[in-house]
Amino acid sequence: MASLNPDLDIALTQLTERLLTQEQTYAQTYVMAKGQLYRTELRLCPVLPHELPDDL
């Protein structure tokens, strides 16, 4: 599973750091994009190094 986009990786890393600073591992909100509302969810799940995909 290769990276989708470096900017997206950076944004998700920053969001992850903010959540973990607040001792949270889950966030849900609503956003609008291209005239459509979306529910967004982020769940942080720890991963061990041997569980990482080979193409990372």
Protein backbone atom coordinates (compact mmCIF):
# COMPACT_ATOMS: atom_id res chain seq x y z
CA MET A 1 0.00 0.00 0.00
CA ALA A 2 1.98 2.95 -1.27
CA SER A 3 1.36 6.50 -0.13
CA LEU A 4 -1.52 8.30 -1.82
CA ASN A 5 -0.01 11.74 -1.69
CA PRO A 6 2.81 13.31 0.34
CA ASP A 7 0.61 16.29 1.33
CA LEU A 8 -2.06 13.90 2.59
CA ASP A 9 0.56 11.96 4.57
CA ILE A 10 1.73 15.19 6.22
CA ALA A 11 -1.82 16.32 7.05
CA LEU A 12 -2.72 12.93 8.54
CA THR A 13 0.52 12.85 10.55
CA GLN A 14 -0.24 16.29 11.98
CA LEU A 15 -3.81 15.27 12.83
CA THR A 16 -2.53 12.08 14.46
CA GLU A 17 -0.08 14.05 16.60
CA ARG A 18 -2.87 16.40 17.71
CA LEU A 19 -5.16 13.53 18.63
CA LEU A 20 -2.47 11.67 20.55
CA THR A 21 -1.51 14.87 22.40
CA GLN A 22 -5.13 14.93 23.63
CA GLU A 23 -4.95 11.19 24.38
CA GLN A 24 -7.55 10.42 21.72
CA THR A 25 -7.48 7.67 19.13
CA TYR A 26 -10.73 8.44 17.30
CA ALA A 27 -12.23 11.51 15.63
CA GLN A 28 -15.44 12.04 13.67
CA THR A 29 -16.69 15.16 11.95
CA TYR A 30 -18.59 16.37 8.89
CA VAL A 31 -16.98 18.17 5.97
CA MET A 32 -18.15 19.57 2.66
CA ALA A 33 -16.21 18.90 -0.52
CA LYS A 34 -17.32 19.57 -4.09
CA GLY A 35 -20.82 20.47 -2.89
CA GLN A 36 -21.35 17.20 -1.01
CA LEU A 37 -21.39 16.59 2.75
CA TYR A 38 -19.29 13.72 4.05
CA ARG A 39 -18.89 12.16 7.46
CA THR A 40 -15.20 11.63 8.11
CA GLU A 41 -13.76 9.26 10.67
CA LEU A 42 -10.21 8.65 11.79
CA ARG A 43 -9.29 5.74 14.01
CA LEU A 44 -5.73 5.28 15.20
CA CYS A 45 -4.63 1.68 15.62
CA PRO A 46 -1.07 0.89 16.70
CA VAL A 47 0.88 -1.25 14.22
CA LEU A 48 3.93 -3.37 14.96
CA PRO A 49 6.86 -3.04 12.53
CA HIS A 50 6.42 -6.59 11.20
CA GLU A 51 2.78 -5.77 10.32
CA LEU A 52 3.74 -3.03 7.88
CA PRO A 53 3.10 -3.67 4.17
CA ASP A 54 6.15 -4.56 2.10
CA ASP A 55 5.71 -1.59 -0.25
CA LEU A 56 5.74 1.05 2.47
